[in-house]
PDB file of N, CA and C in Angstrom:
ATOM      1  N   MET A   1      15.391   0.346 -69.493  1.00  0.00           N
ATOM      2  CA  MET A   1      14.575   0.802 -68.356  1.00  0.00           C
ATOM      3  C   MET A   1      16.034   2.136 -67.813  1.00  0.00           C
ATOM      4  N   TRP A   2      16.735   1.771 -67.743  1.00  0.00           N
ATOM      5  CA  TRP A   2      18.443   2.481 -67.393  1.00  0.00           C
ATOM      6  C   TRP A   2      18.037   3.876 -67.439  1.00  0.00           C
ATOM      7  N   LYS A   3      17.411   3.982 -68.742  1.00  0.00           N
ATOM      8  CA  LYS A   3      17.626   5.228 -69.924  1.00  0.00           C
ATOM      9  C   LYS A   3      16.548   5.772 -69.205  1.00  0.00           C
ATOM     10  N   LYS A   4      14.802   5.188 -68.698  1.00  0.00           N
ATOM     11  CA  LYS A   4      13.409   5.554 -67.979  1.00  0.00           C
ATOM     12  C   LYS A   4      13.795   6.228 -66.641  1.00  0.00           C
ATOM     13  N   PHE A   5      14.954   5.979 -66.477  1.00  0.00           N
ATOM     14  CA  PHE A   5      15.672   5.730 -64.612  1.00  0.00           C
ATOM     15  C   PHE A   5      15.912   7.096 -64.872  1.00  0.00           C
ATOM     16  N   GLN A   6      17.447   7.137 -65.715  1.00  0.00           N
ATOM     17  CA  GLN A   6      18.185   8.454 -65.832  1.00  0.00           C
ATOM     18  C   GLN A   6      17.174   8.663 -66.090  1.00  0.00           C
ATOM     19  N   LYS A   7      15.942   9.142 -67.125  1.00  0.00           N
ATOM     20  CA  LYS A   7      15.390  10.918 -67.502  1.00  0.00           C
ATOM     21  C   LYS A   7      13.939  11.414 -66.021  1.00  0.00           C
ATOM     22  N   ARG A   8      13.374   9.993 -65.223  1.00  0.00           N
ATOM     23  CA  ARG A   8      12.706  10.399 -64.006  1.00  0.00           C
ATOM     24  C   ARG A   8      14.025  11.055 -63.048  1.00  0.00           C
ATOM     25  N   ILE A   9      15.321  10.326 -63.504  1.00  0.00           N
ATOM     26  CA  ILE A   9      16.185  11.868 -62.094  1.00  0.00           C
ATOM     27  C   ILE A   9      16.966  12.887 -62.612  1.00  0.00           C
ATOM     28  N   SER A  10      16.917  12.708 -64.425  1.00  0.00           N
ATOM     29  CA  SER A  10      17.739  14.380 -64.633  1.00  0.00           C
ATOM     30  C   SER A  10      15.770  15.160 -63.794  1.00  0.00           C
ATOM     31  N   LYS A  11      14.517  14.896 -64.343  1.00  0.00           N
ATOM     32  CA  LYS A  11      13.512  15.832 -64.354  1.00  0.00           C
ATOM     33  C   LYS A  11      12.908  16.110 -62.814  1.00  0.00           C
ATOM     34  N   LEU A  12      14.218  15.592 -61.479  1.00  0.00           N
ATOM     35  CA  LEU A  12      14.265  16.098 -59.986  1.00  0.00           C
ATOM     36  C   LEU A  12      14.954  17.255 -59.569  1.00  0.00           C
ATOM     37  N   PRO A  13      14.490  18.113 -58.735  1.00  0.00           N
ATOM     38  CA  PRO A  13      15.436  19.254 -59.022  1.00  0.00           C
ATOM     39  C   PRO A  13      17.114  18.946 -58.576  1.00  0.00           C
ATOM     40  N   PRO A  14      17.866  20.100 -58.612  1.00  0.00           N
ATOM     41  CA  PRO A  14      19.145  19.704 -58.439  1.00  0.00           C
ATOM     42  C   PRO A  14      19.572  19.127 -56.941  1.00  0.00           C
ATOM     43  N   VAL A  15      18.739  19.938 -55.967  1.00  0.00           N
ATOM     44  CA  VAL A  15      19.508  20.167 -54.702  1.00  0.00           C
ATOM     45  C   VAL A  15      18.729  18.101 -54.556  1.00  0.00           C
ATOM     46  N   ILE A  16      17.677  17.807 -55.145  1.00  0.00           N
ATOM     47  CA  ILE A  16      18.039  16.471 -54.827  1.00  0.00           C
ATOM     48  C   ILE A  16      18.736  15.591 -54.566  1.00  0.00           C
ATOM     49  N   ARG A  17      18.880  15.800 -56.683  1.00  0.00           N
ATOM     50  CA  ARG A  17      20.247  15.185 -56.968  1.00  0.00           C
ATOM     51  C   ARG A  17      21.263  14.914 -56.306  1.00  0.00           C
ATOM     52  N   ASN A  18      21.485  15.888 -56.101  1.00  0.00           N
ATOM     53  CA  ASN A  18      22.571  15.857 -55.441  1.00  0.00           C
ATOM     54  C   ASN A  18      23.296  14.918 -54.116  1.00  0.00           C
ATOM     55  N   LEU A  19      23.999  14.424 -53.570  1.00  0.00           N
ATOM     56  CA  LEU A  19      24.841  13.356 -53.584  1.00  0.00           C
ATOM     57  C   LEU A  19      24.808  14.067 -52.274  1.00  0.00           C
ATOM     58  N   TYR A  20      25.681  14.596 -51.612  1.00  0.00           N
ATOM     59  CA  TYR A  20      24.818  15.033 -50.179  1.00  0.00           C
ATOM     60  C   TYR A  20      24.032  15.463 -49.489  1.00  0.00           C
ATOM     61  N   PHE A  21      23.114  15.626 -50.364  1.00  0.00           N
ATOM     62  CA  PHE A  21      21.551  15.593 -50.111  1.00  0.00           C
ATOM     63  C   PHE A  21      21.035  14.396 -49.615  1.00  0.00           C
ATOM     64  N   ILE A  22      21.272  13.681 -50.699  1.00  0.00           N
ATOM     65  CA  ILE A  22      20.658  12.330 -50.395  1.00  0.00           C
ATOM     66  C   ILE A  22      21.262  11.507 -49.422  1.00  0.00           C
ATOM     67  N   ALA A  23      22.690  11.948 -49.599  1.00  0.00           N
ATOM     68  CA  ALA A  23      23.325  10.859 -47.623  1.00  0.00           C
ATOM     69  C   ALA A  23      22.188  11.336 -46.496  1.00  0.00           C
ATOM     70  N   ALA A  24      22.364  12.992 -46.810  1.00  0.00           N
ATOM     71  CA  ALA A  24      21.835  13.492 -44.993  1.00  0.00           C
ATOM     72  C   ALA A  24      20.668  13.444 -44.829  1.00  0.00           C
ATOM     73  N   VAL A  25      20.302  13.173 -46.348  1.00  0.00           N
ATOM     74  CA  VAL A  25      18.437  12.436 -45.810  1.00  0.00           C
ATOM     75  C   VAL A  25      17.968  11.095 -45.045  1.00  0.00           C
ATOM     76  N   LEU A  26      19.202  10.656 -45.758  1.00  0.00           N
ATOM     77  CA  LEU A  26      19.368   9.168 -44.923  1.00  0.00           C
ATOM     78  C   LEU A  26      19.652   9.362 -43.587  1.00  0.00           C
ATOM     79  N   PHE A  27      20.654   9.800 -43.585  1.00  0.00           N
ATOM     80  CA  PHE A  27      20.810  10.185 -42.303  1.00  0.00           C
ATOM     81  C   PHE A  27      20.258  10.202 -40.940  1.00  0.00           C
ATOM     82  N   VAL A  28      19.164  11.491 -42.028  1.00  0.00           N
ATOM     83  CA  VAL A  28      18.559  12.320 -40.748  1.00  0.00           C
ATOM     84  C   VAL A  28      17.413  10.607 -40.643  1.00  0.00           C
ATOM     85  N   LEU A  29      16.531   9.916 -41.298  1.00  0.00           N
ATOM     86  CA  LEU A  29      15.770   9.063 -40.907  1.00  0.00           C
ATOM     87  C   LEU A  29      16.338   7.773 -40.870  1.00  0.00           C
ATOM     88  N   TRP A  30      17.041   7.637 -40.907  1.00  0.00           N
ATOM     89  CA  TRP A  30      18.283   6.591 -39.947  1.00  0.00           C
ATOM     90  C   TRP A  30      18.372   7.305 -38.618  1.00  0.00           C
ATOM     91  N   MET A  31      18.652   8.672 -38.194  1.00  0.00           N
ATOM     92  CA  MET A  31      18.453   8.820 -37.029  1.00  0.00           C
ATOM     93  C   MET A  31      17.757   8.484 -36.416  1.00  0.00           C
ATOM     94  N   LEU A  32      16.261   9.120 -36.731  1.00  0.00           N
ATOM     95  CA  LEU A  32      15.277   8.899 -36.348  1.00  0.00           C
ATOM     96  C   LEU A  32      13.877   8.129 -35.866  1.00  0.00           C
ATOM     97  N   PHE A  33      14.832   7.159 -36.837  1.00  0.00           N
ATOM     98  CA  PHE A  33      14.105   5.421 -36.943  1.00  0.00           C
ATOM     99  C   PHE A  33      13.838   5.037 -36.139  1.00  0.00           C
ATOM    100  N   MET A  34      15.023   4.214 -37.092  1.00  0.00           N
ATOM    101  CA  MET A  34      16.405   3.276 -37.552  1.00  0.00           C
ATOM    102  C   MET A  34      16.926   2.630 -36.054  1.00  0.00           C
ATOM    103  N   ASP A  35      17.466   3.836 -35.348  1.00  0.00           N
ATOM    104  CA  ASP A  35      18.762   4.572 -33.986  1.00  0.00           C
ATOM    105  C   ASP A  35      18.146   3.804 -32.640  1.00  0.00           C
ATOM    106  N   ASP A  36      19.055   3.726 -32.263  1.00  0.00           N
ATOM    107  CA  ASP A  36      18.832   2.815 -30.882  1.00  0.00           C
ATOM    108  C   ASP A  36      17.986   3.793 -29.823  1.00  0.00           C
ATOM    109  N   ASN A  37      18.581   5.684 -29.781  1.00  0.00           N
ATOM    110  CA  ASN A  37      17.776   6.463 -29.481  1.00  0.00           C
ATOM    111  C   ASN A  37      17.378   7.380 -30.856  1.00  0.00           C
ATOM    112  N   ASN A  38      16.139   6.082 -30.988  1.00  0.00           N
ATOM    113  CA  ASN A  38      15.299   7.116 -31.735  1.00  0.00           C
ATOM    114  C   ASN A  38      13.916   7.626 -30.995  1.00  0.00           C
ATOM    115  N   LEU A  39      13.285   9.151 -31.955  1.00  0.00           N
ATOM    116  CA  LEU A  39      11.640   9.416 -31.239  1.00  0.00           C
ATOM    117  C   LEU A  39      11.314   9.215 -30.756  1.00  0.00           C
ATOM    118  N   PHE A  40      10.977   7.618 -31.004  1.00  0.00           N
ATOM    119  CA  PHE A  40       9.735   6.788 -30.285  1.00  0.00           C
ATOM    120  C   PHE A  40      10.654   6.424 -28.963  1.00  0.00           C
ATOM    121  N   ASN A  41      11.449   6.290 -28.767  1.00  0.00           N
ATOM    122  CA  ASN A  41      12.927   5.724 -27.633  1.00  0.00           C
ATOM    123  C   ASN A  41      13.345   7.023 -26.989  1.00  0.00           C
ATOM    124  N   GLN A  42      13.239   8.532 -27.160  1.00  0.00           N
ATOM    125  CA  GLN A  42      13.571   9.253 -26.718  1.00  0.00           C
ATOM    126  C   GLN A  42      11.610   9.875 -26.025  1.00  0.00           C
ATOM    127  N   TYR A  43      11.213  10.099 -26.781  1.00  0.00           N
ATOM    128  CA  TYR A  43       9.419  10.070 -26.292  1.00  0.00           C
ATOM    129  C   TYR A  43       9.293   9.048 -24.818  1.00  0.00           C
ATOM    130  N   ARG A  44       9.245   8.204 -24.736  1.00  0.00           N
ATOM    131  CA  ARG A  44       9.108   7.069 -24.437  1.00  0.00           C
ATOM    132  C   ARG A  44      10.173   6.535 -22.633  1.00  0.00           C
ATOM    133  N   ARG A  45      11.359   8.061 -23.160  1.00  0.00           N
ATOM    134  CA  ARG A  45      12.720   7.416 -22.368  1.00  0.00           C
ATOM    135  C   ARG A  45      11.617   8.767 -21.296  1.00  0.00           C
ATOM    136  N   ARG A  46      11.572   9.669 -22.058  1.00  0.00           N
ATOM    137  CA  ARG A  46      10.895  11.542 -21.395  1.00  0.00           C
ATOM    138  C   ARG A  46       9.947  10.947 -20.054  1.00  0.00           C
ATOM    139  N   HIS A  47       8.965  10.707 -20.882  1.00  0.00           N
ATOM    140  CA  HIS A  47       7.942  10.286 -20.191  1.00  0.00           C
ATOM    141  C   HIS A  47       8.041   9.767 -18.965  1.00  0.00           C
ATOM    142  N   GLU A  48       9.205   8.577 -18.836  1.00  0.00           N
ATOM    143  CA  GLU A  48       9.516   7.462 -18.054  1.00  0.00           C
ATOM    144  C   GLU A  48       9.734   8.668 -16.756  1.00  0.00           C
ATOM    145  N   LEU A  49      11.438   9.486 -16.904  1.00  0.00           N
ATOM    146  CA  LEU A  49      11.510  10.160 -16.642  1.00  0.00           C
ATOM    147  C   LEU A  49      10.743  11.074 -15.450  1.00  0.00           C
ATOM    148  N   SER A  50       9.775  11.377 -16.274  1.00  0.00           N
ATOM    149  CA  SER A  50       8.750  12.529 -16.027  1.00  0.00           C
ATOM    150  C   SER A  50       7.657  11.993 -14.357  1.00  0.00           C
ATOM    151  N   VAL A  51       7.461  10.587 -14.783  1.00  0.00           N
ATOM    152  CA  VAL A  51       6.729   9.456 -13.777  1.00  0.00           C
ATOM    153  C   VAL A  51       8.382   9.336 -12.765  1.00  0.00           C
ATOM    154  N   LEU A  52       8.949   9.209 -13.048  1.00  0.00           N
ATOM    155  CA  LEU A  52      10.017   8.679 -11.802  1.00  0.00           C
ATOM    156  C   LEU A  52      10.597  10.210 -11.474  1.00  0.00           C
ATOM    157  N   THR A  53      10.547  11.136 -11.722  1.00  0.00           N
ATOM    158  CA  THR A  53      10.353  12.430 -10.830  1.00  0.00           C
ATOM    159  C   THR A  53       9.670  12.531 -10.108  1.00  0.00           C
ATOM    160  N   GLU A  54       8.343  12.309 -10.396  1.00  0.00           N
ATOM    161  CA  GLU A  54       6.973  12.703  -9.305  1.00  0.00           C
ATOM    162  C   GLU A  54       7.407  11.828  -9.095  1.00  0.00           C
ATOM    163  N   LYS A  55       7.314  10.513  -8.989  1.00  0.00           N
ATOM    164  CA  LYS A  55       7.550   9.412  -7.937  1.00  0.00           C
ATOM    165  C   LYS A  55       8.482   9.310  -7.275  1.00  0.00           C
ATOM    166  N   ARG A  56       9.874  10.882  -6.744  1.00  0.00           N
ATOM    167  CA  ARG A  56      10.818  11.240  -6.286  1.00  0.00           C
ATOM    168  C   ARG A  56       9.993  11.336  -4.997  1.00  0.00           C
ATOM    169  N   LYS A  57       9.567  12.936  -5.752  1.00  0.00           N
ATOM    170  CA  LYS A  57       9.427  13.638  -4.935  1.00  0.00           C
ATOM    171  C   LYS A  57       8.050  13.040  -4.031  1.00  0.00           C
ATOM    172  N   PHE A  58       7.189  12.743  -4.694  1.00  0.00           N
ATOM    173  CA  PHE A  58       6.419  11.961  -2.646  1.00  0.00           C
ATOM    174  C   PHE A  58       6.875  11.192  -2.185  1.00  0.00           C
ATOM    175  N   TYR A  59       8.004  10.274  -2.595  1.00  0.00           N
ATOM    176  CA  TYR A  59       8.671   9.368  -1.681  1.00  0.00           C
ATOM    177  C   TYR A  59      10.434  10.899  -0.590  1.00  0.00           C
ATOM    178  N   ILE A  60      10.401  12.338  -1.500  1.00  0.00           N
ATOM    179  CA  ILE A  60      10.802  12.281  -0.358  1.00  0.00           C
ATOM    180  C   ILE A  60       9.834  13.260   0.548  1.00  0.00           C
ATOM    181  N   GLU A  61       8.391  12.820   0.118  1.00  0.00           N
ATOM    182  CA  GLU A  61       7.709  14.291   1.271  1.00  0.00           C
ATOM    183  C   GLU A  61       7.101  13.110   2.303  1.00  0.00           C
ATOM    184  N   GLN A  62       6.963  11.500   1.759  1.00  0.00           N
ATOM    185  CA  GLN A  62       7.253  11.003   2.375  1.00  0.00           C
ATOM    186  C   GLN A  62       7.827  10.747   3.986  1.00  0.00           C
ATOM    187  N   ILE A  63       9.658  10.977   3.085  1.00  0.00           N
ATOM    188  CA  ILE A  63      10.435  10.730   4.509  1.00  0.00           C
ATOM    189  C   ILE A  63      10.401  11.855   5.664  1.00  0.00           C
ATOM    190  N   ASP A  64      10.755  12.732   4.753  1.00  0.00           N
ATOM    191  CA  ASP A  64      10.148  14.325   5.675  1.00  0.00           C
ATOM    192  C   ASP A  64       8.696  13.903   6.753  1.00  0.00           C
ATOM    193  N   HIS A  65       7.922  13.470   5.912  1.00  0.00           N
ATOM    194  CA  HIS A  65       7.011  13.145   6.940  1.00  0.00           C
ATOM    195  C   HIS A  65       6.932  12.395   7.514  1.00  0.00           C
ATOM    196  N   THR A  66       7.660  11.064   7.573  1.00  0.00           N
ATOM    197  CA  THR A  66       7.851  10.137   8.565  1.00  0.00           C
ATOM    198  C   THR A  66       8.905  10.643   9.563  1.00  0.00           C
ATOM    199  N   GLN A  67       9.895  11.526   9.301  1.00  0.00           N
ATOM    200  CA  GLN A  67      10.968  11.518   9.869  1.00  0.00           C
ATOM    201  C   GLN A  67      10.018  12.634  11.216  1.00  0.00           C
ATOM    202  N   LYS A  68       9.233  13.494  10.423  1.00  0.00           N
ATOM    203  CA  LYS A  68       8.557  15.149  11.630  1.00  0.00           C
ATOM    204  C   LYS A  68       8.298  13.051  12.470  1.00  0.00           C
ATOM    205  N   GLU A  69       7.352  12.353  12.296  1.00  0.00           N
ATOM    206  CA  GLU A  69       6.701  11.725  13.475  1.00  0.00           C
ATOM    207  C   GLU A  69       7.539  11.200  14.184  1.00  0.00           C
ATOM    208  N   LEU A  70       8.738  10.918  13.339  1.00  0.00           N
ATOM    209  CA  LEU A  70      10.303   9.199  14.353  1.00  0.00           C
ATOM    210  C   LEU A  70      10.326  10.980  15.182  1.00  0.00           C
ATOM    211  N   ALA A  71      10.804  11.947  15.404  1.00  0.00           N
ATOM    212  CA  ALA A  71      10.712  13.179  15.765  1.00  0.00           C
ATOM    213  C   ALA A  71       9.672  13.209  17.139  1.00  0.00           C
ATOM    214  N   GLU A  72       8.868  14.064  16.455  1.00  0.00           N
ATOM    215  CA  GLU A  72       7.588  13.812  17.581  1.00  0.00           C
ATOM    216  C   GLU A  72       7.617  12.790  18.973  1.00  0.00           C
ATOM    217  N   LEU A  73       7.438  11.193  18.526  1.00  0.00           N
ATOM    218  CA  LEU A  73       7.012  10.273  18.985  1.00  0.00           C
ATOM    219  C   LEU A  73       8.304   9.931  19.711  1.00  0.00           C
ATOM    220  N   THR A  74       9.864  10.574  20.063  1.00  0.00           N
ATOM    221  CA  THR A  74      10.723  10.588  20.378  1.00  0.00           C
ATOM    222  C   THR A  74      10.544  11.241  21.738  1.00  0.00           C
ATOM    223  N   SER A  75      10.181  13.046  21.193  1.00  0.00           N
ATOM    224  CA  SER A  75      10.190  13.031  22.629  1.00  0.00           C
ATOM    225  C   SER A  75       8.808  13.772  22.566  1.00  0.00           C
ATOM    226  N   ASN A  76       8.020  13.544  23.117  1.00  0.00           N
ATOM    227  CA  ASN A  76       6.996  13.407  23.806  1.00  0.00           C
ATOM    228  C   ASN A  76       6.297  12.276  23.974  1.00  0.00           C
ATOM    229  N   THR A  77       6.115  11.912  25.374  1.00  0.00           N
ATOM    230  CA  THR A  77       4.898  10.703  26.272  1.00  0.00           C
ATOM    231  C   THR A  77       4.087  10.062  25.620  1.00  0.00           C
ATOM    232  N   THR A  78       3.332  11.436  25.420  1.00  0.00           N
ATOM    233  CA  THR A  78       1.969  11.512  25.066  1.00  0.00           C
ATOM    234  C   THR A  78       1.649  11.509  24.081  1.00  0.00           C
ATOM    235  N   THR A  79       2.576  11.567  22.609  1.00  0.00           N
ATOM    236  CA  THR A  79       2.220  11.016  21.422  1.00  0.00           C
ATOM    237  C   THR A  79       2.848   9.559  21.794  1.00  0.00           C
ATOM    238  N   GLN A  80       3.399   9.046  22.751  1.00  0.00           N
ATOM    239  CA  GLN A  80       3.961   7.847  22.578  1.00  0.00           C
ATOM    240  C   GLN A  80       3.320   6.757  22.473  1.00  0.00           C
ATOM    241  N   GLU A  81       2.174   7.089  23.941  1.00  0.00           N
ATOM    242  CA  GLU A  81       1.313   6.394  24.839  1.00  0.00           C
ATOM    243  C   GLU A  81       0.105   6.450  23.734  1.00  0.00           C
ATOM    244  N   LYS A  82      -0.294   7.135  22.867  1.00  0.00           N
ATOM    245  CA  LYS A  82      -1.780   7.627  21.931  1.00  0.00           C
ATOM    246  C   LYS A  82      -1.209   6.621  21.283  1.00  0.00           C
ATOM    247  N   PHE A  83       0.110   6.663  20.504  1.00  0.00           N
ATOM    248  CA  PHE A  83       0.904   5.731  18.853  1.00  0.00           C
ATOM    249  C   PHE A  83       0.639   4.448  19.499  1.00  0.00           C
ATOM    250  N   ALA A  84       0.961   3.659  21.397  1.00  0.00           N
ATOM    251  CA  ALA A  84       0.573   2.687  21.661  1.00  0.00           C
ATOM    252  C   ALA A  84      -0.725   1.891  21.300  1.00  0.00           C
ATOM    253  N   ARG A  85      -1.562   3.216  21.953  1.00  0.00           N
ATOM    254  CA  ARG A  85      -2.748   2.837  22.020  1.00  0.00           C
ATOM    255  C   ARG A  85      -3.461   2.863  19.897  1.00  0.00           C
ATOM    256  N   GLU A  86      -3.180   2.759  19.585  1.00  0.00           N
ATOM    257  CA  GLU A  86      -3.675   3.234  18.519  1.00  0.00           C
ATOM    258  C   GLU A  86      -3.219   1.616  17.105  1.00  0.00           C
ATOM    259  N   HIS A  87      -1.638   2.016  17.877  1.00  0.00           N
ATOM    260  CA  HIS A  87      -1.096   0.829  16.732  1.00  0.00           C
ATOM    261  C   HIS A  87      -1.067  -0.839  17.259  1.00  0.00           C
ATOM    262  N   TYR A  88      -0.675  -0.578  18.691  1.00  0.00           N
ATOM    263  CA  TYR A  88      -0.418  -2.158  19.147  1.00  0.00           C
ATOM    264  C   TYR A  88      -1.675  -2.200  19.976  1.00  0.00           C
ATOM    265  N   TRP A  89      -2.714  -1.631  20.751  1.00  0.00           N
ATOM    266  CA  TRP A  89      -3.606  -1.759  21.368  1.00  0.00           C
ATOM    267  C   TRP A  89      -2.963  -2.101  22.161  1.00  0.00           C
ATOM    268  N   MET A  90      -2.416  -1.263  22.925  1.00  0.00           N
ATOM    269  CA  MET A  90      -1.966  -1.507  24.278  1.00  0.00           C
ATOM    270  C   MET A  90      -2.674  -1.049  25.506  1.00  0.00           C
ATOM    271  N   LYS A  91      -2.551  -1.343  26.893  1.00  0.00           N
ATOM    272  CA  LYS A  91      -3.843  -0.575  27.403  1.00  0.00           C
ATOM    273  C   LYS A  91      -3.379  -0.698  28.780  1.00  0.00           C
ATOM    274  N   ARG A  92      -3.536   0.153  29.613  1.00  0.00           N
ATOM    275  CA  ARG A  92      -3.148   0.260  31.281  1.00  0.00           C
ATOM    276  C   ARG A  92      -4.052  -0.824  31.728  1.00  0.00           C
ATOM    277  N   ASP A  93      -3.617  -1.547  32.715  1.00  0.00           N
ATOM    278  CA  ASP A  93      -3.694  -2.165  33.757  1.00  0.00           C
ATOM    279  C   ASP A  93      -5.868  -1.937  34.593  1.00  0.00           C
ATOM    280  N   ASN A  94      -6.090  -1.475  34.499  1.00  0.00           N
ATOM    281  CA  ASN A  94      -7.835  -0.595  34.617  1.00  0.00           C
ATOM    282  C   ASN A  94      -7.891  -0.386  33.201  1.00  0.00           C
ATOM    283  N   GLU A  95      -7.830  -1.078  32.558  1.00  0.00           N
ATOM    284  CA  GLU A  95      -8.968  -0.657  31.099  1.00  0.00           C
ATOM    285  C   GLU A  95      -9.559  -1.232  30.241  1.00  0.00           C
ATOM    286  N   ASP A  96     -10.558  -1.283  29.898  1.00  0.00           N
ATOM    287  CA  ASP A  96     -10.587  -2.444  29.279  1.00  0.00           C
ATOM    288  C   ASP A  96     -10.973  -2.219  27.502  1.00  0.00           C
ATOM    289  N   ILE A  97     -10.758  -2.476  26.920  1.00  0.00           N
ATOM    290  CA  ILE A  97     -10.928  -1.924  25.243  1.00  0.00           C
ATOM    291  C   ILE A  97     -11.764  -2.602  24.849  1.00  0.00           C
ATOM    292  N   PHE A  98     -12.507  -2.211  23.310  1.00  0.00           N
ATOM    293  CA  PHE A  98     -13.321  -2.831  22.866  1.00  0.00           C
ATOM    294  C   PHE A  98     -13.313  -2.289  22.013  1.00  0.00           C
ATOM    295  N   ILE A  99     -13.130  -3.510  20.732  1.00  0.00           N
ATOM    296  CA  ILE A  99     -13.200  -3.231  19.212  1.00  0.00           C
ATOM    297  C   ILE A  99     -13.350  -3.623  18.659  1.00  0.00           C
ATOM    298  N   ILE A 100     -14.589  -2.076  17.330  1.00  0.00           N
ATOM    299  CA  ILE A 100     -15.534  -2.984  16.623  1.00  0.00           C
ATOM    300  C   ILE A 100     -14.738  -3.248  15.198  1.00  0.00           C
ATOM    301  N   VAL A 101     -15.371  -3.603  14.152  1.00  0.00           N
ATOM    302  CA  VAL A 101     -14.827  -4.089  13.138  1.00  0.00           C
ATOM    303  C   VAL A 101     -16.133  -4.314  12.585  1.00  0.00           C
ATOM    304  N   LYS A 102     -16.409  -3.618  10.996  1.00  0.00           N
ATOM    305  CA  LYS A 102     -17.590  -3.793  10.490  1.00  0.00           C
ATOM    306  C   LYS A 102     -17.701  -4.155   9.335  1.00  0.00           C
ATOM    307  N   LYS A 103     -18.236  -5.653   9.362  1.00  0.00           N
ATOM    308  CA  LYS A 103     -18.489  -5.802   8.236  1.00  0.00           C
ATOM    309  C   LYS A 103     -18.444  -5.623   6.673  1.00  0.00           C
ATOM    310  N   GLN A 104     -17.712  -5.877   6.146  1.00  0.00           N
ATOM    311  CA  GLN A 104     -17.955  -4.896   4.571  1.00  0.00           C
ATOM    312  C   GLN A 104     -19.047  -6.251   3.641  1.00  0.00           C
ATOM    313  N   LYS A 105     -19.378  -5.411   2.736  1.00  0.00           N
ATOM    314  CA  LYS A 105     -20.620  -5.200   2.667  1.00  0.00           C
ATOM    315  C   LYS A 105     -20.725  -6.715   1.104  1.00  0.00           C
ATOM    316  N   THR A 106     -20.872  -7.577   0.742  1.00  0.00           N
ATOM    317  CA  THR A 106     -20.519  -8.899  -0.352  1.00  0.00           C
ATOM    318  C   THR A 106     -21.257  -8.684  -1.255  1.00  0.00           C
ATOM    319  N   ASN A 107     -20.918  -8.393  -2.697  1.00  0.00           N
ATOM    320  CA  ASN A 107     -21.773  -9.263  -4.076  1.00  0.00           C
ATOM    321  C   ASN A 107     -21.969  -9.773  -3.915  1.00  0.00           C
ATOM    322  N   PRO A 108     -23.296 -10.151  -4.173  1.00  0.00           N
ATOM    323  CA  PRO A 108     -23.771 -11.569  -4.812  1.00  0.00           C
ATOM    324  C   PRO A 108     -22.958 -11.481  -6.134  1.00  0.00           C
TER     325      PRO A 108
END
């Protein structure tokens, strides 16, 4: 049995029979598939990084928008009144407010 195995190995090219080549192939296979930082984990982390980068851009835009609204609310009294009327339903003493609520259609 050992002789058959040696015959099969001797048919391989000398480059593949080289011990350093075998060690290098095993190392590459280990790094690609078995290690904690393998290809699949790297791809998943890169995708997660791109998703988080997009979320970061969105939140930075939201912060800028909110800061502009805050600056407008603190500097302009007409904007303050408009905000109070729209969000807190405040009114003047001589006004009446009617709130119209639309009914949502329910599926049977």
